[in-house]
Amino acid sequence: MLLLNLLNVKTVLVALTVGLLVYFIRRRFTYRLPPGPWAIPLIGNFEVYTKPLVHRVILQLSKKYGPVIQFYFVSLISEGFKDIALASYSPMWQYHRRVAIKALRNYLQGDLLEKLTQDNMTKVMNMMAAEKGPIVVKSHMDNIVFYQLFTLCFGEKKEIGDPDVEFLLREKDNVNKAIGNGLREDLLPFLKDVYPSRRYVIIKDAVDRAFSFMYKLLHEHQETFDPNNIRDLTDHLLLARSEAEKSGDDESMEKLNDTYLVQTISDIFFAGVDTTRMTLEWFLCFISGLPEIQAKCQAEIDETIGRRCPSIADRQSLPYTEACLYETMRLGVIAGLGLPHLTICDTHVGGYDIPKDTVVLINHFALHRDPKYWKDPEKFDPLRYLDEDGKMDPTKLDSWLPFSAGRRVCLGESIAKPEILMMCVHLLQRFKISLPEDVKPNFVGVHRNVFGSECPADLQIVVKERSN
């Protein structure tokens, strides 16, 4: 019986392999596909997407194969861990995204974002000022971002060290560490059901615990929900469901079930944490290593704002400081490949055929360092974004895509830009920021758990209160 089962498995594998080979050969003769490295049947180009700095690997391969490269991937992300950012493009996805964007826009009207940022920055900056000696940047940036997003999503203003927030922070770190360079389940998805790896189990357990906690918060919101007193982003999503119920829109009611609400909140919450924190880390890395640029930012801030609290309205008067943030997002590798796109019909790119339902990835790392678009691409130069009058020039942003592009553009882009700028202005307004004694500037990133991204290597800074 065992021999028969083994023979059956062997027969299935052989048939599957032959079928795939026939499929790939027919595709090759039907379409003029881009070149690329040879792929192993059933597994694909695992030697590429299991590398921690995959964006750098692909850039090197482009020197051999050209600017448009074809790879075969079995799975870009393990099923069950997808959210609104990675879900398949469909009418359901379009509806969910519209609801999420509307909720964000409605909730952050007025000066709410400014107040949240001011309160949170004051707490964290006081902690930074109280430390003696060099400061480890990551933990403080985590506090800045994580606690602000918690308040935005769930309404509660938590003190630093709150057990609920720290629980979610630990689970997020557990997932990032376990994902590493990818999972064997990404190569062979059926393994998650028959013989899951230890790292897959760690991720699943962490996601389950985090989602259970978020379901608990959602149910607490449902019990106290008042459409005339919207407290946070969760309430705005509940309001959308309440309005659908009042209008008798059963289809929308079904789309706005508890699972969707939790997925949307977790998408905004967890996706925003790492990207924002890494942006702040890179900003402090460049600013501390380039004191002359820091001095120019502070001179602009002093002249425009003085010692009062920064506001979003100040953004137009801080072009040089904003240009420094834009340059940080270009050179800091925060999302090397961005989010995957999917072709909805046969199309053409760079002289090659791209069939319908093909996953397309933009190598932001390569784009942001391409000498065709950026003069001296490795140089940190905020002036590249400014016009002759020293104002931000939108025409110089055609090849600047840190938030991706198209329908998959970052859900929170309109919030992230002013929010992160205000955080940076708060830090520069209060502190002179420098590297520890005898430490030289280092702008080369290292991989730290988050796939396709790089962080400053063990960044520590020294902060000194600026005189009034």
Protein backbone atom coordinates (compact mmCIF):
# COMPACT_ATOMS: atom_id res chain seq x y z
CA MET A 1 0.00 0.00 0.00
CA LEU A 2 2.85 2.40 0.90
CA LEU A 3 4.60 1.58 -2.39
CA LEU A 4 1.37 2.25 -4.29
CA ASN A 5 0.92 5.60 -2.57
CA LEU A 6 4.52 6.58 -3.36
CA LEU A 7 4.01 5.61 -7.00
CA ASN A 8 0.81 7.68 -7.14
CA VAL A 9 2.62 10.71 -5.68
CA LYS A 10 5.47 10.22 -8.15
CA THR A 11 3.01 9.99 -11.05
CA VAL A 12 1.26 13.19 -9.97
CA LEU A 13 4.56 15.08 -9.59
CA VAL A 14 5.81 13.92 -13.00
CA ALA A 15 2.51 14.86 -14.65
CA LEU A 16 2.51 18.23 -12.93
CA THR A 17 6.11 18.93 -13.94
CA VAL A 18 5.46 17.97 -17.57
CA GLY A 19 2.30 20.08 -17.61
CA LEU A 20 4.16 23.10 -16.27
CA LEU A 21 6.95 22.67 -18.82
CA VAL A 22 4.40 22.54 -21.65
CA TYR A 23 2.68 25.62 -20.22
CA PHE A 24 5.92 27.61 -19.99
CA ILE A 25 7.02 26.57 -23.50
CA ARG A 26 3.66 27.60 -24.99
CA ARG A 27 3.85 30.94 -23.18
CA ARG A 28 7.36 31.50 -24.52
CA PHE A 29 6.21 31.00 -28.12
CA THR A 30 2.90 32.87 -27.68
CA TYR A 31 4.38 35.98 -26.07
CA ARG A 32 7.62 37.91 -26.40
CA LEU A 33 8.38 37.65 -22.70
CA PRO A 34 11.14 39.52 -20.88
CA PRO A 35 14.40 37.65 -20.22
CA GLY A 36 15.28 36.34 -16.79
CA PRO A 37 17.18 33.68 -14.85
CA TRP A 38 16.26 30.03 -15.27
CA ALA A 39 13.52 28.88 -12.88
CA ILE A 40 13.19 25.48 -11.19
CA PRO A 41 9.84 23.80 -12.01
CA LEU A 42 7.33 23.90 -9.10
CA ILE A 43 9.64 26.16 -7.09
CA GLY A 44 10.50 29.07 -9.36
CA ASN A 45 13.32 31.55 -8.78
CA PHE A 46 13.65 30.83 -5.08
CA GLU A 47 17.33 31.82 -5.16
CA VAL A 48 16.20 35.40 -5.82
CA TYR A 49 13.32 36.03 -3.46
CA THR A 50 14.88 34.25 -0.48
CA LYS A 51 17.69 36.82 -0.38
CA PRO A 52 17.25 39.45 2.38
CA LEU A 53 18.28 42.34 0.10
CA VAL A 54 16.25 41.12 -2.86
CA HIS A 55 16.03 44.63 -4.36
CA ARG A 56 19.83 44.76 -4.62
CA VAL A 57 19.95 41.26 -6.14
CA ILE A 58 17.42 42.24 -8.81
CA LEU A 59 19.35 45.43 -9.57
CA GLN A 60 22.48 43.35 -10.22
CA LEU A 61 20.51 40.95 -12.43
CA SER A 62 19.21 43.90 -14.47
CA LYS A 63 22.77 44.56 -15.60
CA LYS A 64 22.68 41.16 -17.30
CA TYR A 65 19.04 40.89 -18.42
CA GLY A 66 18.01 44.52 -18.87
CA PRO A 67 15.49 46.83 -17.15
CA VAL A 68 12.53 44.43 -17.50
CA ILE A 69 13.14 40.99 -15.98
CA GLN A 70 10.90 37.94 -15.66
CA PHE A 71 10.86 35.76 -12.54
CA TYR A 72 8.71 32.82 -11.52
CA PHE A 73 7.33 32.91 -8.00
CA VAL A 74 5.12 30.26 -6.43
CA SER A 75 3.78 32.68 -3.83
CA LEU A 76 4.80 36.23 -2.97
CA ILE A 77 3.22 36.10 0.47
CA SER A 78 1.73 33.28 2.50
CA GLU A 79 -2.03 32.97 2.17
CA GLY A 80 -3.84 33.83 5.37
CA PHE A 81 -1.56 36.78 6.10
CA LYS A 82 -2.97 39.01 3.36
CA ASP A 83 -4.85 42.22 4.06
CA ILE A 84 -6.33 45.09 2.07
CA ALA A 85 -2.85 46.11 0.87
CA LEU A 86 -2.12 42.70 -0.68
CA ALA A 87 -5.57 41.33 -1.50
CA SER A 88 -6.40 40.58 -5.13
CA TYR A 89 -7.71 43.51 -7.17
CA SER A 90 -11.48 43.08 -7.47
CA PRO A 91 -14.73 45.04 -7.02
CA MET A 92 -14.66 43.94 -3.36
CA TRP A 93 -11.11 45.28 -2.98
CA GLN A 94 -12.10 48.57 -4.65
CA TYR A 95 -15.04 48.97 -2.28
CA HIS A 96 -12.97 48.21 0.83
CA ARG A 97 -10.28 50.65 -0.23
CA ARG A 98 -12.80 53.45 -0.86
CA VAL A 99 -14.32 52.93 2.58
CA ALA A 100 -10.90 52.93 4.26
CA ILE A 101 -9.76 56.11 2.47
CA LYS A 102 -13.03 57.90 3.32
CA ALA A 103 -12.72 56.86 6.98
CA LEU A 104 -9.15 58.16 7.17
CA ARG A 105 -10.06 61.45 5.48
CA ASN A 106 -13.12 62.07 7.64
CA TYR A 107 -11.40 61.17 10.90
CA LEU A 108 -8.36 63.38 10.34
CA GLN A 109 -10.22 66.53 9.39
CA GLY A 110 -9.26 69.66 11.29
CA ASP A 111 -6.34 69.75 13.68
CA LEU A 112 -6.69 66.24 15.15
CA LEU A 113 -3.48 64.94 13.54
CA GLU A 114 -1.55 67.94 14.85
CA LYS A 115 -2.79 67.39 18.41
CA LEU A 116 -2.01 63.67 18.31
CA THR A 117 1.48 64.34 16.99
CA GLN A 118 2.19 67.12 19.49
CA ASP A 119 1.09 65.07 22.52
CA ASN A 120 2.99 61.97 21.47
CA MET A 121 6.16 63.77 20.40
CA THR A 122 6.31 65.68 23.69
CA LYS A 123 6.18 62.43 25.69
CA VAL A 124 8.86 60.68 23.65
CA MET A 125 11.15 63.71 23.36
CA ASN A 126 11.03 64.13 27.15
CA MET A 127 12.19 60.51 27.46
CA MET A 128 14.97 61.12 24.94
CA ALA A 129 16.13 64.27 26.76
CA ALA A 130 16.26 62.38 30.07
CA GLU A 131 18.65 59.73 28.76
CA LYS A 132 22.33 60.09 29.52
CA GLY A 133 24.73 59.33 26.70
CA PRO A 134 23.93 57.89 23.26
CA ILE A 135 20.31 57.02 22.50
CA VAL A 136 19.24 53.85 20.67
CA VAL A 137 17.01 55.31 17.97
CA LYS A 138 14.76 52.36 17.07
CA SER A 139 12.97 51.98 20.41
CA HIS A 140 12.10 55.69 20.61
CA MET A 141 10.90 55.81 17.01
CA ASP A 142 8.75 52.73 17.67
CA ASN A 143 7.18 54.59 20.60
CA ILE A 144 6.53 57.70 18.51
CA VAL A 145 4.79 55.79 15.75
CA PHE A 146 3.14 52.87 17.55
CA TYR A 147 1.42 54.90 20.26
CA GLN A 148 0.21 57.52 17.80
CA LEU A 149 -1.29 54.89 15.49
CA PHE A 150 -2.91 53.13 18.46
CA THR A 151 -4.70 56.35 19.40
CA LEU A 152 -5.66 57.01 15.79
CA CYS A 153 -7.17 53.54 15.37
CA PHE A 154 -8.67 52.91 18.81
CA GLY A 155 -9.09 56.34 20.41
CA GLU A 156 -7.27 55.66 23.67
CA LYS A 157 -4.25 57.76 24.60
CA LYS A 158 -1.90 55.28 26.21
CA GLU A 159 1.13 56.06 28.32
CA ILE A 160 4.50 54.77 27.12
CA GLY A 161 4.91 51.21 28.39
CA ASP A 162 1.17 50.40 28.37
CA PRO A 163 0.80 46.58 28.35
CA ASP A 164 -1.80 46.51 25.55
CA VAL A 165 0.34 48.55 23.16
CA GLU A 166 3.51 46.68 24.13
CA PHE A 167 1.70 43.38 23.46
CA LEU A 168 0.91 44.42 19.88
CA LEU A 169 4.44 45.74 19.41
CA ARG A 170 5.89 42.37 20.47
CA GLU A 171 3.59 40.44 18.16
CA LYS A 172 4.54 42.70 15.25
CA ASP A 173 8.23 42.09 15.96
CA ASN A 174 7.59 38.33 16.26
CA VAL A 175 6.09 38.30 12.76
CA ASN A 176 8.89 40.39 11.24
CA LYS A 177 11.61 38.23 12.77
CA ALA A 178 9.94 34.98 11.71
CA ILE A 179 9.30 36.07 8.12
CA GLY A 180 12.96 36.91 7.64
CA ASN A 181 13.90 36.08 4.06
CA GLY A 182 10.69 34.19 3.35
CA LEU A 183 9.21 30.84 4.32
CA ARG A 184 9.42 27.39 2.81
CA GLU A 185 5.61 27.59 2.66
CA ASP A 186 6.08 30.33 0.06
CA LEU A 187 7.86 27.77 -2.12
CA LEU A 188 5.51 24.87 -1.35
CA PRO A 189 2.23 26.27 0.03
CA PHE A 190 0.74 22.83 0.79
CA LEU A 191 3.31 22.38 3.58
CA LYS A 192 1.43 24.78 5.84
CA ASP A 193 -1.36 22.20 6.13
CA VAL A 194 0.69 18.99 6.37
CA TYR A 195 4.05 19.93 7.88
CA PRO A 196 4.25 23.64 8.78
CA SER A 197 7.65 25.07 9.64
CA ARG A 198 8.38 26.48 13.07
CA ARG A 199 8.59 30.00 11.67
CA TYR A 200 5.22 29.62 9.94
CA VAL A 201 3.66 28.51 13.24
CA ILE A 202 5.24 31.49 15.04
CA ILE A 203 3.78 33.87 12.46
CA LYS A 204 0.34 32.25 12.51
CA ASP A 205 0.19 32.25 16.31
CA ALA A 206 1.34 35.89 16.49
CA VAL A 207 -1.21 36.98 13.87
CA ASP A 208 -3.97 35.02 15.62
CA ARG A 209 -3.15 36.63 18.98
CA ALA A 210 -2.99 40.13 17.50
CA PHE A 211 -6.25 39.66 15.59
CA SER A 212 -8.00 38.24 18.67
CA PHE A 213 -6.99 41.36 20.58
CA MET A 214 -8.25 43.59 17.77
CA TYR A 215 -11.56 41.71 17.62
CA LYS A 216 -11.88 42.40 21.35
CA LEU A 217 -11.31 46.13 20.78
CA LEU A 218 -13.78 46.11 17.88
CA HIS A 219 -16.49 44.46 19.99
CA GLU A 220 -15.90 47.00 22.78
CA HIS A 221 -16.38 49.76 20.22
CA GLN A 222 -19.58 48.14 18.94
CA GLU A 223 -21.04 48.11 22.47
CA THR A 224 -20.35 51.82 23.01
CA PHE A 225 -20.75 53.07 19.43
CA ASP A 226 -22.54 56.42 19.06
CA PRO A 227 -22.92 57.77 15.50
CA ASN A 228 -23.05 61.30 16.93
CA ASN A 229 -19.76 60.90 18.79
CA ILE A 230 -17.12 59.41 16.50
CA ARG A 231 -13.99 58.75 18.58
CA ASP A 232 -11.48 57.16 16.21
CA LEU A 233 -10.89 55.30 12.96
CA THR A 234 -12.68 52.18 14.21
CA ASP A 235 -15.80 54.25 14.88
CA HIS A 236 -15.63 55.69 11.35
CA LEU A 237 -15.64 52.17 9.90
CA LEU A 238 -18.56 51.22 12.15
CA LEU A 239 -20.33 54.38 10.95
CA ALA A 240 -19.96 53.22 7.33
CA ARG A 241 -21.59 49.92 8.28
CA SER A 242 -24.34 51.69 10.23
CA GLU A 243 -25.15 53.91 7.24
CA ALA A 244 -25.31 50.86 4.96
CA GLU A 245 -27.71 49.20 7.41
CA LYS A 246 -29.97 52.27 7.56
CA SER A 247 -30.14 52.48 3.77
CA GLY A 248 -31.01 48.78 3.51
CA ASP A 249 -27.86 48.07 1.51
CA ASP A 250 -27.43 44.38 2.35
CA GLU A 251 -24.56 43.94 -0.11
CA SER A 252 -22.49 46.67 1.56
CA MET A 253 -23.43 45.30 4.98
CA GLU A 254 -21.98 41.93 4.00
CA LYS A 255 -18.79 43.57 2.70
CA LEU A 256 -18.38 45.47 5.98
CA ASN A 257 -18.35 42.41 8.24
CA ASP A 258 -16.19 42.15 11.36
CA THR A 259 -13.42 40.32 9.50
CA TYR A 260 -13.06 43.15 6.99
CA LEU A 261 -13.09 45.81 9.71
CA VAL A 262 -10.32 44.08 11.67
CA GLN A 263 -8.25 43.50 8.52
CA THR A 264 -8.55 47.15 7.52
CA ILE A 265 -7.60 48.43 10.96
CA SER A 266 -4.65 46.03 11.17
CA ASP A 267 -3.52 47.06 7.68
CA ILE A 268 -3.43 50.75 8.60
CA PHE A 269 -1.97 50.02 12.03
CA PHE A 270 0.79 47.51 11.29
CA ALA A 271 1.71 48.64 7.77
CA GLY A 272 2.10 52.21 8.96
CA VAL A 273 4.33 51.33 11.91
CA ASP A 274 7.41 49.91 10.21
CA THR A 275 7.44 52.25 7.21
CA THR A 276 7.04 55.39 9.32
CA ARG A 277 9.53 54.26 11.95
CA MET A 278 12.14 53.38 9.32
CA THR A 279 11.64 56.75 7.62
CA LEU A 280 12.31 58.51 10.93
CA GLU A 281 15.37 56.33 11.55
CA TRP A 282 16.80 57.19 8.14
CA PHE A 283 16.02 60.88 8.61
CA LEU A 284 17.94 60.95 11.90
CA CYS A 285 20.76 58.96 10.29
CA PHE A 286 21.22 61.54 7.52
CA ILE A 287 20.63 64.59 9.72
CA SER A 288 23.07 63.45 12.42
CA GLY A 289 25.71 62.60 9.83
CA LEU A 290 25.28 65.82 7.82
CA PRO A 291 25.37 68.66 10.38
CA GLU A 292 25.46 71.40 7.74
CA ILE A 293 22.13 70.19 6.32
CA GLN A 294 20.68 69.92 9.83
CA ALA A 295 21.71 73.53 10.51
CA LYS A 296 19.91 74.73 7.35
CA CYS A 297 16.72 72.92 8.41
CA GLN A 298 16.87 74.42 11.88
CA ALA A 299 17.47 77.92 10.50
CA GLU A 300 14.37 77.52 8.31
CA ILE A 301 12.33 76.21 11.25
CA ASP A 302 13.52 79.00 13.56
CA GLU A 303 12.65 81.68 11.01
CA THR A 304 9.23 80.23 10.13
CA ILE A 305 7.97 78.76 13.41
CA GLY A 306 10.25 79.93 16.18
CA ARG A 307 9.43 78.13 19.44
CA ARG A 308 5.69 77.65 18.92
CA CYS A 309 4.26 74.22 18.18
CA PRO A 310 4.55 73.20 14.50
CA SER A 311 1.35 72.77 12.48
CA ILE A 312 0.48 71.21 9.14
CA ALA A 313 -0.11 74.73 7.80
CA ASP A 314 3.63 75.38 8.23
CA ARG A 315 4.43 72.80 5.56
CA GLN A 316 4.35 75.33 2.71
CA SER A 317 6.89 77.49 4.56
CA LEU A 318 9.37 74.66 5.17
CA PRO A 319 10.44 73.64 1.64
CA TYR A 320 14.06 72.83 2.51
CA THR A 321 13.10 70.67 5.50
CA GLU A 322 10.44 68.89 3.45
CA ALA A 323 12.98 68.36 0.67
CA CYS A 324 15.25 66.68 3.23
CA LEU A 325 12.41 64.31 4.10
CA TYR A 326 11.81 63.56 0.40
CA GLU A 327 15.51 62.85 -0.06
CA THR A 328 15.37 60.56 2.98
CA MET A 329 12.53 58.61 1.38
CA ARG A 330 14.52 58.32 -1.85
CA LEU A 331 17.81 57.11 -0.36
CA GLY A 332 16.49 55.25 2.67
CA VAL A 333 15.43 51.76 1.55
CA ILE A 334 12.03 51.59 3.24
CA ALA A 335 10.19 49.48 0.66
CA GLY A 336 12.68 48.29 -1.94
CA LEU A 337 10.12 46.58 -4.17
CA GLY A 338 6.89 48.19 -3.04
CA LEU A 339 3.54 46.42 -3.27
CA PRO A 340 2.77 43.91 -6.06
CA HIS A 341 0.55 45.01 -8.95
CA LEU A 342 -1.43 42.72 -11.28
CA THR A 343 -2.03 43.25 -15.00
CA ILE A 344 -5.75 43.26 -15.84
CA CYS A 345 -5.14 42.63 -19.56
CA ASP A 346 -2.32 41.77 -21.95
CA THR A 347 0.01 44.75 -22.18
CA HIS A 348 3.50 45.82 -23.27
CA VAL A 349 6.42 47.14 -21.21
CA GLY A 350 9.84 48.01 -22.59
CA GLY A 351 9.19 46.19 -25.86
CA TYR A 352 8.04 42.96 -24.17
CA ASP A 353 4.63 41.29 -23.86
CA ILE A 354 3.22 41.13 -20.34
CA PRO A 355 0.27 38.68 -20.21
CA LYS A 356 -2.89 39.30 -18.24
CA ASP A 357 -2.75 38.31 -14.53
CA THR A 358 1.01 38.82 -14.31
CA VAL A 359 2.35 40.17 -11.02
CA VAL A 360 4.42 43.32 -11.61
CA LEU A 361 6.90 44.70 -9.08
CA ILE A 362 8.66 48.06 -9.30
CA ASN A 363 12.22 48.09 -7.99
CA HIS A 364 12.01 51.39 -6.11
CA PHE A 365 15.57 50.91 -4.89
CA ALA A 366 16.86 50.86 -8.47
CA LEU A 367 14.55 53.64 -9.66
CA HIS A 368 15.63 55.98 -6.86
CA ARG A 369 19.31 55.42 -7.72
CA ASP A 370 19.08 55.52 -11.49
CA PRO A 371 21.55 58.12 -12.86
CA LYS A 372 19.17 58.68 -15.81
CA TYR A 373 16.76 60.39 -13.42
CA TRP A 374 18.96 61.51 -10.53
CA LYS A 375 22.22 63.43 -10.80
CA ASP A 376 24.80 62.00 -8.35
CA PRO A 377 22.18 59.49 -7.12
CA GLU A 378 24.12 58.40 -4.01
CA LYS A 379 24.46 61.99 -2.78
CA PHE A 380 22.00 63.35 -0.21
CA ASP A 381 20.93 66.57 -1.92
CA PRO A 382 17.64 68.24 -0.88
CA LEU A 383 18.13 70.98 -3.48
CA ARG A 384 17.23 68.53 -6.25
CA TYR A 385 13.53 68.98 -5.33
CA LEU A 386 13.51 72.80 -5.21
CA ASP A 387 13.00 75.37 -7.94
CA GLU A 388 14.98 78.58 -8.46
CA ASP A 389 12.92 80.33 -5.76
CA GLY A 390 13.64 77.61 -3.20
CA LYS A 391 10.11 76.16 -3.34
CA MET A 392 9.15 72.51 -3.80
CA ASP A 393 8.96 71.75 -7.53
CA PRO A 394 6.35 69.03 -8.36
CA THR A 395 7.89 68.51 -11.81
CA LYS A 396 10.98 67.03 -10.16
CA LEU A 397 9.04 64.16 -8.57
CA ASP A 398 8.26 62.06 -11.67
CA SER A 399 10.71 59.32 -10.63
CA TRP A 400 10.09 59.65 -6.88
CA LEU A 401 7.83 56.76 -5.83
CA PRO A 402 8.35 55.80 -2.16
CA PHE A 403 4.59 55.32 -1.75
CA SER A 404 4.35 53.21 -4.93
CA ALA A 405 1.96 54.20 -7.74
CA GLY A 406 -1.30 53.28 -9.44
CA ARG A 407 -4.19 51.61 -7.68
CA ARG A 408 -1.81 50.12 -5.11
CA VAL A 409 -0.47 53.49 -4.00
CA CYS A 410 -0.05 53.60 -0.21
CA LEU A 411 -3.40 53.96 1.55
CA GLY A 412 -2.01 56.50 4.03
CA GLU A 413 0.18 58.63 1.75
CA SER A 414 -1.85 61.81 2.25
CA ILE A 415 -1.51 61.37 6.03
CA ALA A 416 2.06 60.10 6.18
CA LYS A 417 3.68 63.05 4.39
CA PRO A 418 2.49 65.83 6.74
CA GLU A 419 2.59 63.56 9.79
CA ILE A 420 6.22 62.49 9.35
CA LEU A 421 7.27 66.03 8.43
CA MET A 422 5.76 67.34 11.66
CA MET A 423 7.56 64.64 13.64
CA CYS A 424 10.87 65.63 12.05
CA VAL A 425 10.24 69.34 12.68
CA HIS A 426 9.46 68.66 16.35
CA LEU A 427 12.79 66.83 16.74
CA LEU A 428 14.83 69.48 14.93
CA GLN A 429 13.10 72.35 16.70
CA ARG A 430 13.98 70.99 20.14
CA PHE A 431 17.28 69.12 19.70
CA LYS A 432 20.69 69.44 18.18
CA ILE A 433 21.24 65.89 16.94
CA SER A 434 24.69 64.40 16.52
CA LEU A 435 26.51 61.07 16.38
CA PRO A 436 28.33 59.74 19.45
CA GLU A 437 31.96 60.74 19.81
CA ASP A 438 34.34 58.94 17.42
CA VAL A 439 31.43 57.49 15.39
CA LYS A 440 31.59 58.26 11.68
CA PRO A 441 28.51 58.75 9.48
CA ASN A 442 27.30 55.51 7.90
CA PHE A 443 24.58 55.70 5.27
CA VAL A 444 24.77 52.04 4.21
CA GLY A 445 21.65 50.15 5.27
CA VAL A 446 21.41 46.66 6.72
CA HIS A 447 18.60 44.11 6.58
CA ARG A 448 16.54 44.00 9.77
CA ASN A 449 13.73 41.46 9.41
CA VAL A 450 11.34 43.50 7.22
CA PHE A 451 11.45 41.94 3.72
CA GLY A 452 12.86 44.18 1.00
CA SER A 453 13.91 46.97 3.35
CA GLU A 454 17.06 48.28 5.00
CA CYS A 455 17.66 50.21 8.21
CA PRO A 456 20.60 52.26 9.46
CA ALA A 457 23.07 49.92 11.16
CA ASP A 458 22.67 50.08 14.98
CA LEU A 459 21.94 53.80 14.85
CA GLN A 460 22.63 55.74 18.03
CA ILE A 461 22.48 59.50 18.42
CA VAL A 462 23.19 62.17 21.01
CA VAL A 463 20.55 64.85 21.57
CA LYS A 464 21.16 68.23 23.15
CA GLU A 465 18.46 70.75 24.00
CA ARG A 466 18.70 73.82 21.77
CA SER A 467 18.71 77.21 23.47
CA ASN A 468 15.55 79.30 23.12
